Amino acid sequence: MATEILKASDARKNLFKLMDKAERLRHRYMLTRNGTPQAVLMSAEEYEEWVETLEVMADEGLMKGIKEGLEDFKKGRVHTHEEVFGRPLRAKR
């Protein structure tokens, strides 16, 4: 999803409409003042997702584990759910 650039004064006139689009459609808006980016408007849910991603990326141990897991997957070092837990994975209903 692309980020739409808006003047802050235009965003102020349509704030509730923009907030609704950010929440329902995950639109993002870069708000400018005198042509300079000043702030971003996005849904609170998307913001929390971004923060969580940044926290994961900042955790060296977690990132090392993710990289090792991806390398294992690429090299075929994987196990089925049944092999690990002794029973097949049931589909969600």
N, C-alpha and C. Protein backbone atom coordinates (compact mmCIF):
# COMPACT_ATOMS: atom_id res chain seq x y z
N MET A 1 0.85 -1.18 0.00
CA MET A 1 0.00 0.00 0.00
C MET A 1 0.89 1.23 0.00
N ALA A 2 0.67 2.10 -0.93
CA ALA A 2 1.44 3.33 -1.03
C ALA A 2 0.99 4.33 0.03
N THR A 3 1.88 5.21 0.38
CA THR A 3 1.57 6.27 1.34
C THR A 3 1.20 7.51 0.56
N GLU A 4 0.04 8.06 0.88
CA GLU A 4 -0.41 9.28 0.22
C GLU A 4 0.16 10.49 0.95
N ILE A 5 0.63 11.46 0.19
CA ILE A 5 1.21 12.67 0.78
C ILE A 5 0.14 13.76 0.78
N LEU A 6 -0.07 14.36 1.95
CA LEU A 6 -1.08 15.41 2.10
C LEU A 6 -0.52 16.58 2.88
N LYS A 7 -0.98 17.77 2.55
CA LYS A 7 -0.67 18.93 3.38
C LYS A 7 -1.40 18.75 4.71
N ALA A 8 -0.76 19.14 5.78
CA ALA A 8 -1.38 19.01 7.10
C ALA A 8 -2.70 19.78 7.16
N SER A 9 -2.76 20.93 6.50
CA SER A 9 -4.00 21.72 6.51
C SER A 9 -5.14 20.98 5.81
N ASP A 10 -4.84 20.25 4.73
CA ASP A 10 -5.87 19.45 4.05
C ASP A 10 -6.28 18.27 4.92
N ALA A 11 -5.30 17.66 5.58
CA ALA A 11 -5.61 16.53 6.46
C ALA A 11 -6.52 16.98 7.60
N ARG A 12 -6.27 18.15 8.14
CA ARG A 12 -7.09 18.67 9.25
C ARG A 12 -8.56 18.81 8.82
N LYS A 13 -8.78 19.24 7.59
CA LYS A 13 -10.14 19.41 7.09
C LYS A 13 -10.88 18.08 6.96
N ASN A 14 -10.15 17.00 6.72
CA ASN A 14 -10.74 15.69 6.46
C ASN A 14 -10.28 14.63 7.47
N LEU A 15 -9.91 15.04 8.67
CA LEU A 15 -9.26 14.14 9.61
C LEU A 15 -10.06 12.87 9.88
N PHE A 16 -11.35 12.99 10.17
CA PHE A 16 -12.12 11.81 10.51
C PHE A 16 -12.28 10.86 9.32
N LYS A 17 -12.40 11.40 8.14
CA LYS A 17 -12.46 10.58 6.93
C LYS A 17 -11.13 9.84 6.73
N LEU A 18 -10.02 10.53 6.92
CA LEU A 18 -8.71 9.91 6.78
C LEU A 18 -8.49 8.84 7.84
N MET A 19 -8.91 9.12 9.07
CA MET A 19 -8.78 8.13 10.14
C MET A 19 -9.59 6.88 9.81
N ASP A 20 -10.77 7.06 9.27
CA ASP A 20 -11.61 5.92 8.90
C ASP A 20 -10.94 5.08 7.81
N LYS A 21 -10.39 5.75 6.78
CA LYS A 21 -9.71 5.02 5.71
C LYS A 21 -8.46 4.32 6.23
N ALA A 22 -7.76 4.96 7.15
CA ALA A 22 -6.56 4.34 7.73
C ALA A 22 -6.95 3.07 8.49
N GLU A 23 -8.04 3.14 9.23
CA GLU A 23 -8.46 1.99 10.03
C GLU A 23 -9.05 0.88 9.15
N ARG A 24 -9.99 1.23 8.29
CA ARG A 24 -10.70 0.20 7.51
C ARG A 24 -9.90 -0.34 6.35
N LEU A 25 -9.16 0.53 5.66
CA LEU A 25 -8.49 0.15 4.42
C LEU A 25 -6.97 0.12 4.53
N ARG A 26 -6.46 0.43 5.72
CA ARG A 26 -5.02 0.45 5.97
C ARG A 26 -4.29 1.45 5.08
N HIS A 27 -4.93 2.56 4.80
CA HIS A 27 -4.26 3.64 4.08
C HIS A 27 -3.30 4.34 5.03
N ARG A 28 -2.22 4.87 4.47
CA ARG A 28 -1.25 5.66 5.24
C ARG A 28 -1.14 7.03 4.60
N TYR A 29 -0.92 8.03 5.45
CA TYR A 29 -0.81 9.40 4.96
C TYR A 29 0.42 10.06 5.57
N MET A 30 1.27 10.62 4.70
CA MET A 30 2.40 11.43 5.14
C MET A 30 1.91 12.87 5.14
N LEU A 31 1.95 13.48 6.30
CA LEU A 31 1.46 14.85 6.44
C LEU A 31 2.64 15.82 6.38
N THR A 32 2.49 16.84 5.54
CA THR A 32 3.57 17.80 5.34
C THR A 32 3.18 19.18 5.83
N ARG A 33 4.20 19.93 6.19
CA ARG A 33 4.04 21.34 6.53
C ARG A 33 5.06 22.09 5.70
N ASN A 34 4.61 23.02 4.90
CA ASN A 34 5.49 23.78 3.99
C ASN A 34 6.31 22.83 3.11
N GLY A 35 5.68 21.73 2.70
CA GLY A 35 6.33 20.79 1.79
C GLY A 35 7.28 19.81 2.45
N THR A 36 7.42 19.90 3.78
CA THR A 36 8.34 19.02 4.51
C THR A 36 7.55 17.98 5.30
N PRO A 37 7.88 16.70 5.16
CA PRO A 37 7.17 15.68 5.93
C PRO A 37 7.31 15.93 7.44
N GLN A 38 6.18 15.85 8.14
CA GLN A 38 6.17 16.13 9.58
C GLN A 38 5.64 14.97 10.41
N ALA A 39 4.67 14.22 9.86
CA ALA A 39 4.04 13.15 10.63
C ALA A 39 3.40 12.16 9.67
N VAL A 40 3.05 10.99 10.24
CA VAL A 40 2.38 9.95 9.46
C VAL A 40 1.10 9.58 10.18
N LEU A 41 0.03 9.41 9.41
CA LEU A 41 -1.24 8.95 9.95
C LEU A 41 -1.46 7.53 9.43
N MET A 42 -1.63 6.59 10.35
CA MET A 42 -1.92 5.19 10.01
C MET A 42 -2.80 4.64 11.11
N SER A 43 -3.36 3.47 10.89
CA SER A 43 -4.22 2.87 11.90
C SER A 43 -3.39 2.50 13.13
N ALA A 44 -4.03 2.51 14.28
CA ALA A 44 -3.36 2.11 15.51
C ALA A 44 -2.91 0.66 15.41
N GLU A 45 -3.71 -0.19 14.78
CA GLU A 45 -3.35 -1.60 14.62
C GLU A 45 -2.07 -1.74 13.81
N GLU A 46 -1.97 -1.03 12.69
CA GLU A 46 -0.77 -1.11 11.87
C GLU A 46 0.44 -0.56 12.62
N TYR A 47 0.24 0.53 13.36
CA TYR A 47 1.33 1.10 14.16
C TYR A 47 1.86 0.06 15.15
N GLU A 48 0.96 -0.63 15.85
CA GLU A 48 1.38 -1.66 16.81
C GLU A 48 2.15 -2.77 16.11
N GLU A 49 1.73 -3.14 14.90
CA GLU A 49 2.44 -4.17 14.13
C GLU A 49 3.86 -3.72 13.80
N TRP A 50 4.00 -2.46 13.43
CA TRP A 50 5.32 -1.91 13.11
C TRP A 50 6.21 -1.91 14.34
N VAL A 51 5.66 -1.49 15.48
CA VAL A 51 6.43 -1.46 16.72
C VAL A 51 6.88 -2.86 17.09
N GLU A 52 5.98 -3.82 16.98
CA GLU A 52 6.32 -5.21 17.29
C GLU A 52 7.43 -5.72 16.38
N THR A 53 7.35 -5.40 15.10
CA THR A 53 8.38 -5.81 14.16
C THR A 53 9.73 -5.19 14.53
N LEU A 54 9.73 -3.92 14.87
CA LEU A 54 10.98 -3.26 15.26
C LEU A 54 11.57 -3.88 16.53
N GLU A 55 10.70 -4.26 17.46
CA GLU A 55 11.17 -4.90 18.69
C GLU A 55 11.79 -6.26 18.39
N VAL A 56 11.18 -7.03 17.50
CA VAL A 56 11.73 -8.33 17.11
C VAL A 56 13.09 -8.12 16.45
N MET A 57 13.15 -7.17 15.52
CA MET A 57 14.40 -6.92 14.80
C MET A 57 15.51 -6.44 15.72
N ALA A 58 15.17 -5.78 16.81
CA ALA A 58 16.17 -5.28 17.75
C ALA A 58 16.66 -6.36 18.70
N ASP A 59 15.97 -7.51 18.76
CA ASP A 59 16.35 -8.60 19.65
C ASP A 59 17.33 -9.52 18.92
N GLU A 60 18.62 -9.39 19.23
CA GLU A 60 19.65 -10.13 18.50
C GLU A 60 19.45 -11.64 18.61
N GLY A 61 19.10 -12.12 19.79
CA GLY A 61 18.90 -13.56 19.98
C GLY A 61 17.75 -14.08 19.16
N LEU A 62 16.66 -13.34 19.15
CA LEU A 62 15.50 -13.75 18.37
C LEU A 62 15.80 -13.74 16.88
N MET A 63 16.48 -12.70 16.41
CA MET A 63 16.82 -12.63 14.99
C MET A 63 17.77 -13.77 14.61
N LYS A 64 18.70 -14.11 15.49
CA LYS A 64 19.60 -15.23 15.22
C LYS A 64 18.80 -16.52 15.07
N GLY A 65 17.83 -16.74 15.95
CA GLY A 65 16.99 -17.93 15.88
C GLY A 65 16.16 -17.98 14.60
N ILE A 66 15.64 -16.85 14.19
CA ILE A 66 14.86 -16.78 12.95
C ILE A 66 15.75 -17.12 11.76
N LYS A 67 16.95 -16.54 11.71
CA LYS A 67 17.88 -16.81 10.60
C LYS A 67 18.27 -18.28 10.57
N GLU A 68 18.53 -18.86 11.76
CA GLU A 68 18.88 -20.28 11.81
C GLU A 68 17.71 -21.14 11.33
N GLY A 69 16.51 -20.79 11.71
CA GLY A 69 15.33 -21.53 11.27
C GLY A 69 15.14 -21.46 9.77
N LEU A 70 15.36 -20.29 9.20
CA LEU A 70 15.25 -20.14 7.74
C LEU A 70 16.31 -20.96 7.03
N GLU A 71 17.51 -20.96 7.58
CA GLU A 71 18.59 -21.77 6.98
C GLU A 71 18.25 -23.25 7.06
N ASP A 72 17.72 -23.70 8.20
CA ASP A 72 17.30 -25.10 8.34
C ASP A 72 16.24 -25.44 7.29
N PHE A 73 15.29 -24.54 7.11
CA PHE A 73 14.22 -24.77 6.13
C PHE A 73 14.80 -24.90 4.72
N LYS A 74 15.71 -23.98 4.37
CA LYS A 74 16.32 -24.02 3.03
C LYS A 74 17.07 -25.33 2.80
N LYS A 75 17.67 -25.86 3.85
CA LYS A 75 18.46 -27.09 3.71
C LYS A 75 17.63 -28.34 3.95
N GLY A 76 16.33 -28.17 4.13
CA GLY A 76 15.45 -29.32 4.27
C GLY A 76 15.46 -29.95 5.65
N ARG A 77 16.02 -29.26 6.61
CA ARG A 77 16.06 -29.79 7.98
C ARG A 77 14.76 -29.39 8.69
N VAL A 78 13.69 -30.10 8.33
CA VAL A 78 12.36 -29.78 8.87
C VAL A 78 11.68 -31.06 9.34
N HIS A 79 10.67 -30.90 10.17
CA HIS A 79 9.88 -32.02 10.68
C HIS A 79 8.40 -31.67 10.57
N THR A 80 7.58 -32.68 10.35
CA THR A 80 6.14 -32.46 10.29
C THR A 80 5.59 -32.28 11.70
N HIS A 81 4.41 -31.74 11.78
CA HIS A 81 3.73 -31.59 13.06
C HIS A 81 3.60 -32.95 13.75
N GLU A 82 3.26 -33.95 12.97
CA GLU A 82 3.07 -35.29 13.53
C GLU A 82 4.38 -35.85 14.10
N GLU A 83 5.49 -35.60 13.40
CA GLU A 83 6.79 -36.06 13.90
C GLU A 83 7.14 -35.40 15.23
N VAL A 84 6.82 -34.14 15.37
CA VAL A 84 7.17 -33.39 16.57
C VAL A 84 6.21 -33.69 17.72
N PHE A 85 4.90 -33.71 17.43
CA PHE A 85 3.90 -33.81 18.49
C PHE A 85 3.22 -35.18 18.58
N GLY A 86 3.54 -36.09 17.65
CA GLY A 86 2.98 -37.42 17.71
C GLY A 86 1.55 -37.54 17.21
N ARG A 87 1.05 -36.48 16.60
CA ARG A 87 -0.30 -36.52 16.04
C ARG A 87 -0.38 -35.52 14.89
N PRO A 88 -1.26 -35.77 13.92
CA PRO A 88 -1.36 -34.85 12.78
C PRO A 88 -2.02 -33.54 13.21
N LEU A 89 -1.70 -32.50 12.50
CA LEU A 89 -2.30 -31.19 12.73
C LEU A 89 -3.74 -31.21 12.23
N ARG A 90 -4.68 -30.81 13.08
CA ARG A 90 -6.08 -30.76 12.67
C ARG A 90 -6.39 -29.40 12.08
N ALA A 91 -7.20 -29.41 11.02
CA ALA A 91 -7.61 -28.17 10.37
C ALA A 91 -8.58 -27.41 11.29
N LYS A 92 -8.46 -26.07 11.27
CA LYS A 92 -9.38 -25.24 12.05
C LYS A 92 -10.73 -25.21 11.37
N ARG A 93 -11.76 -25.20 12.18
CA ARG A 93 -13.12 -25.14 11.62
C ARG A 93 -13.71 -23.78 11.76
